[in-house]
Amino acid sequence: MITIFTGLVEEMGQVLSIKSGEKSVQLKIKCEKVLKNAKIGDSIATNGTCLTAIEIGADYFVADCMHETVKRTNLSRLKSGNLVNLEKSITLSTPLGGHLVTGDVDCEGTIKSITQDGIAKIYEIEIEHRFMKYVVEKGRVTLDGASLSIVSFSHNTLSVSLIPHTQQMITLGRKKIGDYVNVETDLIGKYVERMMSFKDDEKDSKKSKLDKNFLASHGFF
């Protein structure tokens, strides 16, 4: 079973404590909205990272971060008092207002510039070049768990635009140049890439009809 989020941040929680272990981190997060009907074992996206609640209190939850999570995300950089974006995993009855987000962060990105553009602010994010193949103009990207539209991109950067309301509702609006954000690129692009590059080892298998011509003819690009 796959855990899914929408990238619509429900609230900003506050780090109450962070404990470092052997290649691991344990977070205690103060929050309210995501705790409604929550139980131990539920998934809560924390700065876009899918974490399992191992303890739930009246106004907090506790989650462990394993080595893979520590390596890929900015969670180990957190300090007590820091704010984090939170979203509880969705069910089949949840309205999908953002896009399909797994909470499996690809990499950290770095804020390279912040530019005022009328009422909005443009945030330019530098990421590992190998993930740029999943970036398309007007496509979606998840930054610290927030589903955002890509307004432009270059060799190894992508830019998103935040209106004043969004700046107030997510942590990105409070960050500055040089800060780190968790980046999850589009899920569908990864599956398309895998299907197009996969080679079946079976000698008698039929060759896949999924190629660039097939996708183009069916309106994918």
N, C-alpha and C. Protein backbone atom coordinates (compact mmCIF):
# COMPACT_ATOMS: atom_id res chain seq x y z
N MET A 1 0.84 -1.18 0.00
CA MET A 1 0.00 0.00 0.00
C MET A 1 0.89 1.24 0.00
N ILE A 2 0.55 2.23 -0.81
CA ILE A 2 1.31 3.46 -0.88
C ILE A 2 0.59 4.56 -0.12
N THR A 3 1.35 5.33 0.64
CA THR A 3 0.80 6.47 1.37
C THR A 3 0.83 7.68 0.46
N ILE A 4 -0.29 8.41 0.40
CA ILE A 4 -0.40 9.55 -0.50
C ILE A 4 -0.79 10.82 0.26
N PHE A 5 -0.22 11.93 -0.18
CA PHE A 5 -0.57 13.25 0.32
C PHE A 5 -0.96 14.12 -0.88
N THR A 6 -1.46 15.32 -0.61
CA THR A 6 -1.85 16.21 -1.70
C THR A 6 -0.88 17.37 -1.90
N GLY A 7 -0.03 17.62 -0.90
CA GLY A 7 0.84 18.79 -0.98
C GLY A 7 0.15 20.06 -0.53
N LEU A 8 -1.04 19.92 0.04
CA LEU A 8 -1.74 21.08 0.62
C LEU A 8 -1.47 21.08 2.12
N VAL A 9 -0.62 21.97 2.56
CA VAL A 9 -0.20 22.02 3.96
C VAL A 9 -1.39 22.36 4.85
N GLU A 10 -1.62 21.54 5.89
CA GLU A 10 -2.75 21.76 6.80
C GLU A 10 -2.42 22.78 7.89
N GLU A 11 -1.18 22.74 8.35
CA GLU A 11 -0.76 23.66 9.40
C GLU A 11 0.75 23.66 9.51
N MET A 12 1.28 24.68 10.17
CA MET A 12 2.69 24.68 10.52
C MET A 12 2.82 24.26 11.98
N GLY A 13 3.58 23.18 12.19
CA GLY A 13 3.85 22.73 13.55
C GLY A 13 5.17 23.30 14.04
N GLN A 14 5.46 23.11 15.30
CA GLN A 14 6.69 23.62 15.89
C GLN A 14 7.48 22.49 16.52
N VAL A 15 8.78 22.47 16.25
CA VAL A 15 9.65 21.43 16.81
C VAL A 15 9.80 21.67 18.31
N LEU A 16 9.36 20.69 19.10
CA LEU A 16 9.52 20.78 20.55
C LEU A 16 10.88 20.23 20.98
N SER A 17 11.32 19.17 20.32
CA SER A 17 12.63 18.61 20.63
C SER A 17 13.12 17.78 19.46
N ILE A 18 14.41 17.62 19.36
CA ILE A 18 15.03 16.78 18.34
C ILE A 18 16.18 16.02 18.99
N LYS A 19 16.12 14.70 18.89
CA LYS A 19 17.13 13.85 19.50
C LYS A 19 17.88 13.09 18.40
N SER A 20 19.18 13.20 18.41
CA SER A 20 20.01 12.52 17.42
C SER A 20 20.49 11.18 17.97
N GLY A 21 20.31 10.12 17.16
CA GLY A 21 20.79 8.80 17.52
C GLY A 21 21.85 8.36 16.54
N GLU A 22 22.08 7.06 16.47
CA GLU A 22 23.06 6.52 15.53
C GLU A 22 22.45 6.53 14.12
N LYS A 23 22.86 7.49 13.31
CA LYS A 23 22.34 7.66 11.96
C LYS A 23 20.82 7.83 11.95
N SER A 24 20.29 8.45 12.98
CA SER A 24 18.84 8.63 13.07
C SER A 24 18.53 9.92 13.84
N VAL A 25 17.26 10.32 13.73
CA VAL A 25 16.78 11.51 14.44
C VAL A 25 15.36 11.22 14.92
N GLN A 26 15.04 11.67 16.12
CA GLN A 26 13.66 11.56 16.61
C GLN A 26 13.12 12.97 16.85
N LEU A 27 11.95 13.24 16.27
CA LEU A 27 11.34 14.56 16.35
C LEU A 27 10.08 14.52 17.21
N LYS A 28 9.91 15.57 18.00
CA LYS A 28 8.66 15.79 18.73
C LYS A 28 8.09 17.10 18.23
N ILE A 29 6.90 17.04 17.63
CA ILE A 29 6.31 18.18 16.94
C ILE A 29 5.02 18.62 17.62
N LYS A 30 4.94 19.90 17.96
CA LYS A 30 3.70 20.46 18.51
C LYS A 30 2.78 20.83 17.36
N CYS A 31 1.51 20.44 17.46
CA CYS A 31 0.56 20.69 16.37
C CYS A 31 -0.86 20.53 16.87
N GLU A 32 -1.82 20.70 15.96
CA GLU A 32 -3.22 20.60 16.35
C GLU A 32 -4.07 19.90 15.30
N LYS A 33 -4.13 20.47 14.09
CA LYS A 33 -5.05 19.99 13.07
C LYS A 33 -4.78 18.55 12.65
N VAL A 34 -3.50 18.20 12.44
CA VAL A 34 -3.20 16.86 11.93
C VAL A 34 -3.44 15.77 12.97
N LEU A 35 -3.66 16.17 14.21
CA LEU A 35 -3.90 15.19 15.27
C LEU A 35 -5.36 14.74 15.35
N LYS A 36 -6.25 15.44 14.63
CA LYS A 36 -7.67 15.08 14.67
C LYS A 36 -7.87 13.66 14.14
N ASN A 37 -8.39 12.79 14.97
CA ASN A 37 -8.63 11.38 14.64
C ASN A 37 -7.34 10.62 14.33
N ALA A 38 -6.20 11.18 14.68
CA ALA A 38 -4.92 10.50 14.41
C ALA A 38 -4.68 9.42 15.45
N LYS A 39 -3.97 8.38 15.02
CA LYS A 39 -3.61 7.28 15.92
C LYS A 39 -2.17 6.85 15.63
N ILE A 40 -1.61 6.14 16.58
CA ILE A 40 -0.23 5.66 16.41
C ILE A 40 -0.14 4.79 15.15
N GLY A 41 0.87 5.06 14.34
CA GLY A 41 1.05 4.33 13.08
C GLY A 41 0.61 5.13 11.87
N ASP A 42 -0.11 6.23 12.10
CA ASP A 42 -0.54 7.07 10.98
C ASP A 42 0.65 7.81 10.38
N SER A 43 0.50 8.16 9.11
CA SER A 43 1.56 8.88 8.40
C SER A 43 1.27 10.38 8.40
N ILE A 44 2.27 11.16 8.76
CA ILE A 44 2.16 12.62 8.76
C ILE A 44 3.36 13.18 8.01
N ALA A 45 3.09 13.89 6.92
CA ALA A 45 4.17 14.51 6.16
C ALA A 45 4.71 15.70 6.95
N THR A 46 6.00 15.66 7.22
CA THR A 46 6.66 16.71 7.99
C THR A 46 7.73 17.34 7.11
N ASN A 47 7.51 18.60 6.70
CA ASN A 47 8.35 19.23 5.67
C ASN A 47 8.43 18.34 4.43
N GLY A 48 7.29 17.71 4.12
CA GLY A 48 7.21 16.89 2.91
C GLY A 48 7.74 15.49 3.04
N THR A 49 8.18 15.11 4.24
CA THR A 49 8.73 13.77 4.46
C THR A 49 7.70 12.91 5.18
N CYS A 50 7.39 11.77 4.61
CA CYS A 50 6.41 10.87 5.21
C CYS A 50 7.00 10.23 6.47
N LEU A 51 6.42 10.57 7.62
CA LEU A 51 6.88 10.03 8.89
C LEU A 51 5.74 9.29 9.57
N THR A 52 6.09 8.27 10.34
CA THR A 52 5.12 7.48 11.08
C THR A 52 5.05 7.96 12.53
N ALA A 53 3.86 8.29 12.98
CA ALA A 53 3.68 8.72 14.37
C ALA A 53 3.83 7.53 15.30
N ILE A 54 4.83 7.59 16.18
CA ILE A 54 5.05 6.49 17.13
C ILE A 54 4.52 6.83 18.52
N GLU A 55 4.17 8.08 18.71
CA GLU A 55 3.57 8.54 19.97
C GLU A 55 2.72 9.76 19.66
N ILE A 56 1.53 9.82 20.27
CA ILE A 56 0.63 10.94 20.04
C ILE A 56 0.12 11.45 21.38
N GLY A 57 0.27 12.77 21.59
CA GLY A 57 -0.24 13.40 22.80
C GLY A 57 -1.38 14.34 22.46
N ALA A 58 -1.80 15.12 23.43
CA ALA A 58 -2.92 16.04 23.23
C ALA A 58 -2.58 17.12 22.21
N ASP A 59 -1.31 17.52 22.14
CA ASP A 59 -0.92 18.59 21.22
C ASP A 59 0.44 18.34 20.58
N TYR A 60 0.78 17.07 20.40
CA TYR A 60 2.07 16.75 19.78
C TYR A 60 2.07 15.32 19.23
N PHE A 61 3.04 15.05 18.36
CA PHE A 61 3.33 13.68 17.96
C PHE A 61 4.84 13.50 17.90
N VAL A 62 5.27 12.25 18.00
CA VAL A 62 6.69 11.91 17.95
C VAL A 62 6.91 10.97 16.77
N ALA A 63 8.01 11.18 16.04
CA ALA A 63 8.32 10.33 14.88
C ALA A 63 9.82 10.10 14.80
N ASP A 64 10.19 8.89 14.36
CA ASP A 64 11.59 8.55 14.13
C ASP A 64 11.95 8.78 12.67
N CYS A 65 13.17 9.24 12.43
CA CYS A 65 13.70 9.41 11.08
C CYS A 65 14.90 8.50 10.90
N MET A 66 14.80 7.55 9.98
CA MET A 66 15.89 6.60 9.76
C MET A 66 17.00 7.25 8.93
N HIS A 67 18.08 6.49 8.71
CA HIS A 67 19.27 7.02 8.04
C HIS A 67 18.96 7.54 6.64
N GLU A 68 18.16 6.82 5.86
CA GLU A 68 17.82 7.26 4.51
C GLU A 68 17.12 8.62 4.54
N THR A 69 16.24 8.81 5.52
CA THR A 69 15.54 10.08 5.67
C THR A 69 16.50 11.19 6.06
N VAL A 70 17.40 10.89 6.98
CA VAL A 70 18.38 11.88 7.43
C VAL A 70 19.26 12.32 6.27
N LYS A 71 19.65 11.37 5.41
CA LYS A 71 20.52 11.68 4.27
C LYS A 71 19.84 12.56 3.23
N ARG A 72 18.57 12.31 3.00
CA ARG A 72 17.87 12.94 1.87
C ARG A 72 17.21 14.28 2.21
N THR A 73 16.92 14.52 3.48
CA THR A 73 16.05 15.63 3.84
C THR A 73 16.73 16.67 4.74
N ASN A 74 15.99 17.74 5.02
CA ASN A 74 16.50 18.78 5.91
C ASN A 74 16.06 18.59 7.36
N LEU A 75 15.46 17.44 7.68
CA LEU A 75 14.94 17.24 9.03
C LEU A 75 16.04 17.23 10.09
N SER A 76 17.21 16.72 9.74
CA SER A 76 18.30 16.69 10.72
C SER A 76 18.86 18.08 10.98
N ARG A 77 18.53 19.05 10.14
CA ARG A 77 18.98 20.44 10.33
C ARG A 77 18.07 21.22 11.27
N LEU A 78 16.92 20.63 11.61
CA LEU A 78 15.96 21.34 12.45
C LEU A 78 16.49 21.56 13.86
N LYS A 79 15.99 22.63 14.48
CA LYS A 79 16.31 22.94 15.86
C LYS A 79 15.02 23.19 16.62
N SER A 80 15.08 23.04 17.91
CA SER A 80 13.91 23.29 18.75
C SER A 80 13.38 24.70 18.49
N GLY A 81 12.08 24.79 18.25
CA GLY A 81 11.44 26.07 17.97
C GLY A 81 11.18 26.32 16.50
N ASN A 82 11.86 25.57 15.62
CA ASN A 82 11.65 25.72 14.18
C ASN A 82 10.24 25.32 13.79
N LEU A 83 9.71 25.94 12.73
CA LEU A 83 8.40 25.59 12.19
C LEU A 83 8.55 24.59 11.06
N VAL A 84 7.59 23.67 10.94
CA VAL A 84 7.58 22.67 9.88
C VAL A 84 6.19 22.59 9.27
N ASN A 85 6.12 22.30 7.97
CA ASN A 85 4.84 22.08 7.30
C ASN A 85 4.33 20.69 7.62
N LEU A 86 3.03 20.58 7.89
CA LEU A 86 2.43 19.30 8.25
C LEU A 86 1.21 18.99 7.40
N GLU A 87 1.07 17.73 7.03
CA GLU A 87 -0.12 17.25 6.34
C GLU A 87 -0.32 15.77 6.67
N LYS A 88 -1.52 15.41 7.06
CA LYS A 88 -1.84 14.02 7.32
C LYS A 88 -2.15 13.33 6.00
N SER A 89 -1.82 12.03 5.89
CA SER A 89 -2.08 11.30 4.66
C SER A 89 -3.57 11.27 4.34
N ILE A 90 -3.87 11.21 3.04
CA ILE A 90 -5.26 11.30 2.61
C ILE A 90 -5.90 9.91 2.49
N THR A 91 -7.23 9.91 2.40
CA THR A 91 -7.99 8.69 2.13
C THR A 91 -8.64 8.84 0.76
N LEU A 92 -9.35 7.82 0.31
CA LEU A 92 -10.01 7.88 -0.99
C LEU A 92 -11.13 8.91 -1.04
N SER A 93 -11.59 9.35 0.14
CA SER A 93 -12.67 10.35 0.17
C SER A 93 -12.14 11.77 0.31
N THR A 94 -10.82 11.93 0.38
CA THR A 94 -10.23 13.26 0.55
C THR A 94 -10.17 13.99 -0.80
N PRO A 95 -10.65 15.24 -0.87
CA PRO A 95 -10.53 16.01 -2.11
C PRO A 95 -9.05 16.20 -2.47
N LEU A 96 -8.71 16.00 -3.73
CA LEU A 96 -7.33 16.14 -4.19
C LEU A 96 -7.15 17.53 -4.77
N GLY A 97 -6.68 18.47 -3.94
CA GLY A 97 -6.57 19.84 -4.39
C GLY A 97 -5.20 20.20 -4.91
N GLY A 98 -4.17 19.42 -4.56
CA GLY A 98 -2.82 19.70 -5.02
C GLY A 98 -2.44 18.75 -6.14
N HIS A 99 -1.51 17.83 -5.85
CA HIS A 99 -1.20 16.75 -6.78
C HIS A 99 -0.77 15.54 -5.96
N LEU A 100 -0.53 14.41 -6.60
CA LEU A 100 -0.17 13.19 -5.87
C LEU A 100 1.26 13.30 -5.35
N VAL A 101 1.37 13.24 -4.03
CA VAL A 101 2.66 13.38 -3.35
C VAL A 101 2.87 12.15 -2.47
N THR A 102 4.05 11.54 -2.52
CA THR A 102 4.30 10.33 -1.75
C THR A 102 4.95 10.60 -0.40
N GLY A 103 5.61 11.76 -0.26
CA GLY A 103 6.36 12.01 0.96
C GLY A 103 7.73 11.38 0.95
N ASP A 104 8.14 10.87 -0.21
CA ASP A 104 9.49 10.32 -0.38
C ASP A 104 10.36 11.39 -1.04
N VAL A 105 11.10 12.12 -0.23
CA VAL A 105 11.88 13.26 -0.71
C VAL A 105 13.03 12.80 -1.59
N ASP A 106 13.20 13.46 -2.74
CA ASP A 106 14.31 13.14 -3.65
C ASP A 106 15.63 13.70 -3.15
N CYS A 107 15.61 14.96 -2.75
CA CYS A 107 16.86 15.61 -2.35
C CYS A 107 16.54 16.92 -1.64
N GLU A 108 17.58 17.51 -1.09
CA GLU A 108 17.47 18.87 -0.57
C GLU A 108 17.73 19.85 -1.70
N GLY A 109 17.06 20.98 -1.66
CA GLY A 109 17.34 22.08 -2.57
C GLY A 109 17.81 23.27 -1.77
N THR A 110 18.46 24.21 -2.44
CA THR A 110 18.95 25.41 -1.78
C THR A 110 18.33 26.64 -2.42
N ILE A 111 17.85 27.56 -1.61
CA ILE A 111 17.27 28.80 -2.14
C ILE A 111 18.39 29.69 -2.66
N LYS A 112 18.37 29.94 -3.97
CA LYS A 112 19.43 30.75 -4.60
C LYS A 112 19.05 32.22 -4.69
N SER A 113 17.78 32.51 -4.85
CA SER A 113 17.34 33.92 -4.93
C SER A 113 15.88 34.02 -4.56
N ILE A 114 15.50 35.20 -4.07
CA ILE A 114 14.10 35.54 -3.78
C ILE A 114 13.84 36.91 -4.40
N THR A 115 12.88 36.97 -5.33
CA THR A 115 12.64 38.19 -6.08
C THR A 115 11.19 38.62 -5.95
N GLN A 116 10.97 39.87 -5.63
CA GLN A 116 9.60 40.39 -5.57
C GLN A 116 9.06 40.56 -6.98
N ASP A 117 7.85 40.08 -7.22
CA ASP A 117 7.22 40.17 -8.54
C ASP A 117 5.78 40.61 -8.36
N GLY A 118 5.57 41.93 -8.24
CA GLY A 118 4.24 42.42 -7.92
C GLY A 118 3.86 41.99 -6.52
N ILE A 119 2.69 41.38 -6.38
CA ILE A 119 2.27 40.92 -5.06
C ILE A 119 2.96 39.62 -4.66
N ALA A 120 3.57 38.94 -5.62
CA ALA A 120 4.16 37.62 -5.38
C ALA A 120 5.66 37.70 -5.14
N LYS A 121 6.22 36.58 -4.66
CA LYS A 121 7.65 36.42 -4.55
C LYS A 121 8.06 35.19 -5.35
N ILE A 122 9.14 35.33 -6.13
CA ILE A 122 9.68 34.22 -6.90
C ILE A 122 10.85 33.61 -6.14
N TYR A 123 10.74 32.32 -5.86
CA TYR A 123 11.81 31.60 -5.17
C TYR A 123 12.53 30.69 -6.17
N GLU A 124 13.83 30.92 -6.34
CA GLU A 124 14.63 30.08 -7.24
C GLU A 124 15.37 29.04 -6.40
N ILE A 125 15.16 27.77 -6.73
CA ILE A 125 15.70 26.66 -5.95
C ILE A 125 16.69 25.86 -6.78
N GLU A 126 17.88 25.67 -6.25
CA GLU A 126 18.88 24.83 -6.92
C GLU A 126 18.77 23.41 -6.40
N ILE A 127 18.73 22.43 -7.33
CA ILE A 127 18.64 21.02 -6.94
C ILE A 127 19.69 20.21 -7.70
N GLU A 128 19.83 18.95 -7.30
CA GLU A 128 20.75 18.06 -8.02
C GLU A 128 20.29 17.95 -9.47
N HIS A 129 21.24 18.05 -10.38
CA HIS A 129 20.90 18.08 -11.81
C HIS A 129 20.17 16.81 -12.25
N ARG A 130 20.47 15.66 -11.65
CA ARG A 130 19.85 14.40 -12.08
C ARG A 130 18.34 14.40 -11.89
N PHE A 131 17.82 15.29 -11.05
CA PHE A 131 16.38 15.35 -10.84
C PHE A 131 15.69 16.37 -11.74
N MET A 132 16.48 17.14 -12.50
CA MET A 132 15.89 18.15 -13.37
C MET A 132 15.08 17.53 -14.52
N LYS A 133 15.32 16.26 -14.83
CA LYS A 133 14.57 15.62 -15.92
C LYS A 133 13.09 15.47 -15.58
N TYR A 134 12.74 15.59 -14.30
CA TYR A 134 11.33 15.51 -13.89
C TYR A 134 10.69 16.89 -13.75
N VAL A 135 11.41 17.93 -14.14
CA VAL A 135 10.94 19.30 -13.98
C VAL A 135 10.44 19.84 -15.32
N VAL A 136 9.20 20.30 -15.37
CA VAL A 136 8.65 20.89 -16.58
C VAL A 136 7.95 22.19 -16.23
N GLU A 137 7.97 23.14 -17.15
CA GLU A 137 7.30 24.41 -16.92
C GLU A 137 5.80 24.20 -16.75
N LYS A 138 5.25 24.80 -15.72
CA LYS A 138 3.83 24.67 -15.34
C LYS A 138 3.51 23.29 -14.78
N GLY A 139 4.54 22.49 -14.56
CA GLY A 139 4.35 21.23 -13.85
C GLY A 139 4.32 21.49 -12.35
N ARG A 140 4.34 20.42 -11.56
CA ARG A 140 4.26 20.55 -10.12
C ARG A 140 5.53 20.04 -9.45
N VAL A 141 5.84 20.64 -8.32
CA VAL A 141 6.94 20.20 -7.48
C VAL A 141 6.50 20.39 -6.04
N THR A 142 7.03 19.55 -5.16
CA THR A 142 6.71 19.66 -3.74
C THR A 142 7.93 20.19 -3.01
N LEU A 143 7.80 21.34 -2.37
CA LEU A 143 8.88 21.95 -1.61
C LEU A 143 8.49 22.00 -0.14
N ASP A 144 9.24 21.27 0.69
CA ASP A 144 8.90 21.15 2.12
C ASP A 144 7.45 20.74 2.32
N GLY A 145 6.96 19.89 1.41
CA GLY A 145 5.61 19.35 1.54
C GLY A 145 4.52 20.18 0.91
N ALA A 146 4.86 21.33 0.31
CA ALA A 146 3.86 22.19 -0.31
C ALA A 146 3.85 21.98 -1.82
N SER A 147 2.69 21.69 -2.39
CA SER A 147 2.53 21.50 -3.82
C SER A 147 2.53 22.86 -4.51
N LEU A 148 3.51 23.09 -5.40
CA LEU A 148 3.65 24.38 -6.05
C LEU A 148 3.85 24.21 -7.55
N SER A 149 3.44 25.23 -8.31
CA SER A 149 3.61 25.22 -9.76
C SER A 149 4.99 25.77 -10.12
N ILE A 150 5.63 25.11 -11.08
CA ILE A 150 6.93 25.56 -11.57
C ILE A 150 6.70 26.63 -12.64
N VAL A 151 7.25 27.81 -12.41
CA VAL A 151 7.04 28.90 -13.37
C VAL A 151 8.17 28.98 -14.39
N SER A 152 9.35 28.48 -14.04
CA SER A 152 10.47 28.46 -14.98
C SER A 152 11.55 27.54 -14.42
N PHE A 153 12.52 27.20 -15.28
CA PHE A 153 13.64 26.40 -14.82
C PHE A 153 14.85 26.64 -15.71
N SER A 154 16.03 26.26 -15.19
CA SER A 154 17.27 26.37 -15.96
C SER A 154 18.02 25.05 -15.85
N HIS A 155 19.33 25.08 -16.00
CA HIS A 155 20.13 23.85 -16.00
C HIS A 155 19.96 23.06 -14.70
N ASN A 156 20.02 23.73 -13.57
CA ASN A 156 19.90 23.02 -12.29
C ASN A 156 19.08 23.81 -11.26
N THR A 157 18.20 24.69 -11.74
CA THR A 157 17.32 25.41 -10.82
C THR A 157 15.89 25.39 -11.33
N LEU A 158 14.97 25.53 -10.41
CA LEU A 158 13.55 25.70 -10.74
C LEU A 158 13.02 26.86 -9.92
N SER A 159 12.00 27.53 -10.43
CA SER A 159 11.43 28.69 -9.75
C SER A 159 9.95 28.50 -9.52
N VAL A 160 9.49 28.93 -8.35
CA VAL A 160 8.07 28.89 -8.00
C VAL A 160 7.66 30.28 -7.53
N SER A 161 6.37 30.57 -7.66
CA SER A 161 5.85 31.88 -7.29
C SER A 161 4.83 31.73 -6.16
N LEU A 162 4.97 32.53 -5.11
CA LEU A 162 4.09 32.46 -3.95
C LEU A 162 3.32 33.77 -3.78
N ILE A 163 1.99 33.67 -3.74
CA ILE A 163 1.17 34.83 -3.43
C ILE A 163 1.27 35.10 -1.92
N PRO A 164 0.88 36.29 -1.45
CA PRO A 164 1.00 36.62 -0.02
C PRO A 164 0.36 35.60 0.91
N HIS A 165 -0.82 35.09 0.56
CA HIS A 165 -1.50 34.11 1.41
C HIS A 165 -0.62 32.86 1.59
N THR A 166 -0.06 32.36 0.49
CA THR A 166 0.78 31.16 0.56
C THR A 166 2.05 31.43 1.37
N GLN A 167 2.60 32.62 1.23
CA GLN A 167 3.80 32.98 1.99
C GLN A 167 3.55 32.87 3.49
N GLN A 168 2.32 33.18 3.91
CA GLN A 168 1.98 33.14 5.33
C GLN A 168 1.67 31.73 5.81
N MET A 169 1.24 30.85 4.90
CA MET A 169 0.73 29.54 5.29
C MET A 169 1.78 28.43 5.29
N ILE A 170 2.92 28.64 4.62
CA ILE A 170 3.94 27.60 4.54
C ILE A 170 5.30 28.16 4.94
N THR A 171 6.20 27.28 5.32
CA THR A 171 7.51 27.70 5.84
C THR A 171 8.37 28.38 4.78
N LEU A 172 8.17 28.06 3.50
CA LEU A 172 9.00 28.66 2.46
C LEU A 172 8.90 30.18 2.50
N GLY A 173 7.72 30.71 2.83
CA GLY A 173 7.54 32.15 2.89
C GLY A 173 8.36 32.83 3.96
N ARG A 174 8.90 32.05 4.91
CA ARG A 174 9.70 32.60 6.00
C ARG A 174 11.19 32.35 5.81
N LYS A 175 11.53 31.62 4.75
CA LYS A 175 12.93 31.27 4.57
C LYS A 175 13.68 32.33 3.79
N LYS A 176 15.01 32.22 3.84
CA LYS A 176 15.86 33.22 3.18
C LYS A 176 16.85 32.52 2.25
N ILE A 177 17.57 33.33 1.50
CA ILE A 177 18.58 32.80 0.56
C ILE A 177 19.60 31.96 1.34
N GLY A 178 19.90 30.78 0.79
CA GLY A 178 20.84 29.88 1.43
C GLY A 178 20.19 28.80 2.27
N ASP A 179 18.90 28.97 2.59
CA ASP A 179 18.20 27.95 3.37
C ASP A 179 17.90 26.71 2.51
N TYR A 180 17.67 25.59 3.19
CA TYR A 180 17.43 24.32 2.52
C TYR A 180 15.93 23.99 2.51
N VAL A 181 15.49 23.34 1.44
CA VAL A 181 14.12 22.85 1.34
C VAL A 181 14.14 21.41 0.84
N ASN A 182 13.16 20.63 1.29
CA ASN A 182 13.00 19.27 0.79
C ASN A 182 12.30 19.30 -0.55
N VAL A 183 12.80 18.53 -1.51
CA VAL A 183 12.27 18.54 -2.86
C VAL A 183 11.77 17.14 -3.24
N GLU A 184 10.49 17.06 -3.63
CA GLU A 184 9.96 15.83 -4.24
C GLU A 184 9.43 16.18 -5.62
N THR A 185 10.02 15.59 -6.64
CA THR A 185 9.59 15.87 -8.00
C THR A 185 8.36 15.03 -8.35
N ASP A 186 7.83 15.24 -9.55
CA ASP A 186 6.56 14.65 -9.95
C ASP A 186 6.62 13.12 -10.04
N LEU A 187 5.69 12.46 -9.40
CA LEU A 187 5.64 11.00 -9.34
C LEU A 187 5.41 10.37 -10.71
N ILE A 188 4.51 10.95 -11.51
CA ILE A 188 4.14 10.36 -12.79
C ILE A 188 5.34 10.31 -13.73
N GLY A 189 6.17 11.37 -13.72
CA GLY A 189 7.34 11.40 -14.58
C GLY A 189 8.30 10.26 -14.28
N LYS A 190 8.42 9.87 -13.04
CA LYS A 190 9.32 8.79 -12.65
C LYS A 190 8.84 7.46 -13.20
N TYR A 191 7.53 7.23 -13.15
CA TYR A 191 6.98 5.98 -13.67
C TYR A 191 7.11 5.91 -15.19
N VAL A 192 6.86 7.03 -15.87
CA VAL A 192 7.00 7.06 -17.33
C VAL A 192 8.44 6.76 -17.72
N GLU A 193 9.39 7.37 -17.03
CA GLU A 193 10.80 7.13 -17.32
C GLU A 193 11.15 5.66 -17.13
N ARG A 194 10.70 5.07 -16.04
CA ARG A 194 11.00 3.67 -15.74
C ARG A 194 10.43 2.74 -16.79
N MET A 195 9.18 2.97 -17.19
CA MET A 195 8.55 2.10 -18.18
C MET A 195 9.23 2.19 -19.54
N MET A 196 9.69 3.39 -19.89
CA MET A 196 10.32 3.58 -21.20
C MET A 196 11.73 3.00 -21.25
N SER A 197 12.40 2.93 -20.09
CA SER A 197 13.78 2.45 -20.07
C SER A 197 13.91 0.97 -19.67
N PHE A 198 12.80 0.38 -19.17
CA PHE A 198 12.86 -0.99 -18.68
C PHE A 198 13.01 -1.98 -19.83
N LYS A 199 13.91 -2.97 -19.63
CA LYS A 199 14.11 -4.03 -20.61
C LYS A 199 13.79 -5.36 -19.96
N ASP A 200 12.82 -6.06 -20.54
CA ASP A 200 12.40 -7.35 -20.01
C ASP A 200 13.44 -8.40 -20.36
N ASP A 201 13.79 -9.24 -19.38
CA ASP A 201 14.80 -10.28 -19.61
C ASP A 201 14.24 -11.52 -20.30
N GLU A 202 12.93 -11.65 -20.30
CA GLU A 202 12.32 -12.83 -20.90
C GLU A 202 12.50 -12.81 -22.42
N LYS A 203 13.04 -13.89 -22.97
CA LYS A 203 13.32 -13.96 -24.41
C LYS A 203 12.04 -13.93 -25.24
N ASP A 204 10.99 -14.56 -24.72
CA ASP A 204 9.77 -14.67 -25.52
C ASP A 204 8.77 -13.55 -25.22
N SER A 205 9.18 -12.55 -24.45
CA SER A 205 8.26 -11.47 -24.14
C SER A 205 8.09 -10.54 -25.33
N LYS A 206 6.94 -9.94 -25.40
CA LYS A 206 6.67 -9.01 -26.48
C LYS A 206 7.27 -7.64 -26.16
N LYS A 207 7.78 -6.97 -27.15
CA LYS A 207 8.38 -5.66 -26.98
C LYS A 207 7.29 -4.65 -26.62
N SER A 208 7.59 -3.83 -25.62
CA SER A 208 6.63 -2.82 -25.19
C SER A 208 6.35 -1.81 -26.30
N LYS A 209 5.10 -1.42 -26.41
CA LYS A 209 4.71 -0.41 -27.39
C LYS A 209 4.84 1.01 -26.84
N LEU A 210 5.25 1.11 -25.55
CA LEU A 210 5.36 2.42 -24.93
C LEU A 210 6.69 3.07 -25.31
N ASP A 211 6.63 4.05 -26.18
CA ASP A 211 7.82 4.81 -26.56
C ASP A 211 7.42 6.28 -26.76
N LYS A 212 8.38 7.09 -27.20
CA LYS A 212 8.10 8.52 -27.36
C LYS A 212 7.01 8.78 -28.40
N ASN A 213 7.01 8.00 -29.47
CA ASN A 213 5.98 8.17 -30.50
C ASN A 213 4.59 7.85 -29.99
N PHE A 214 4.50 6.78 -29.18
CA PHE A 214 3.22 6.39 -28.60
C PHE A 214 2.70 7.50 -27.67
N LEU A 215 3.59 8.01 -26.80
CA LEU A 215 3.20 9.06 -25.87
C LEU A 215 2.78 10.34 -26.60
N ALA A 216 3.53 10.68 -27.65
CA ALA A 216 3.22 11.89 -28.43
C ALA A 216 1.86 11.77 -29.12
N SER A 217 1.61 10.60 -29.68
CA SER A 217 0.35 10.40 -30.39
C SER A 217 -0.86 10.41 -29.48
N HIS A 218 -0.61 10.18 -28.19
CA HIS A 218 -1.73 10.16 -27.23
C HIS A 218 -1.76 11.44 -26.38
N GLY A 219 -1.05 12.46 -26.85
CA GLY A 219 -1.16 13.79 -26.26
C GLY A 219 -0.39 14.03 -24.98
N PHE A 220 0.63 13.18 -24.67
CA PHE A 220 1.39 13.40 -23.44
C PHE A 220 2.40 14.52 -23.60
N PHE A 221 2.90 14.74 -24.83
CA PHE A 221 3.79 15.88 -25.08
C PHE A 221 3.84 16.14 -26.58
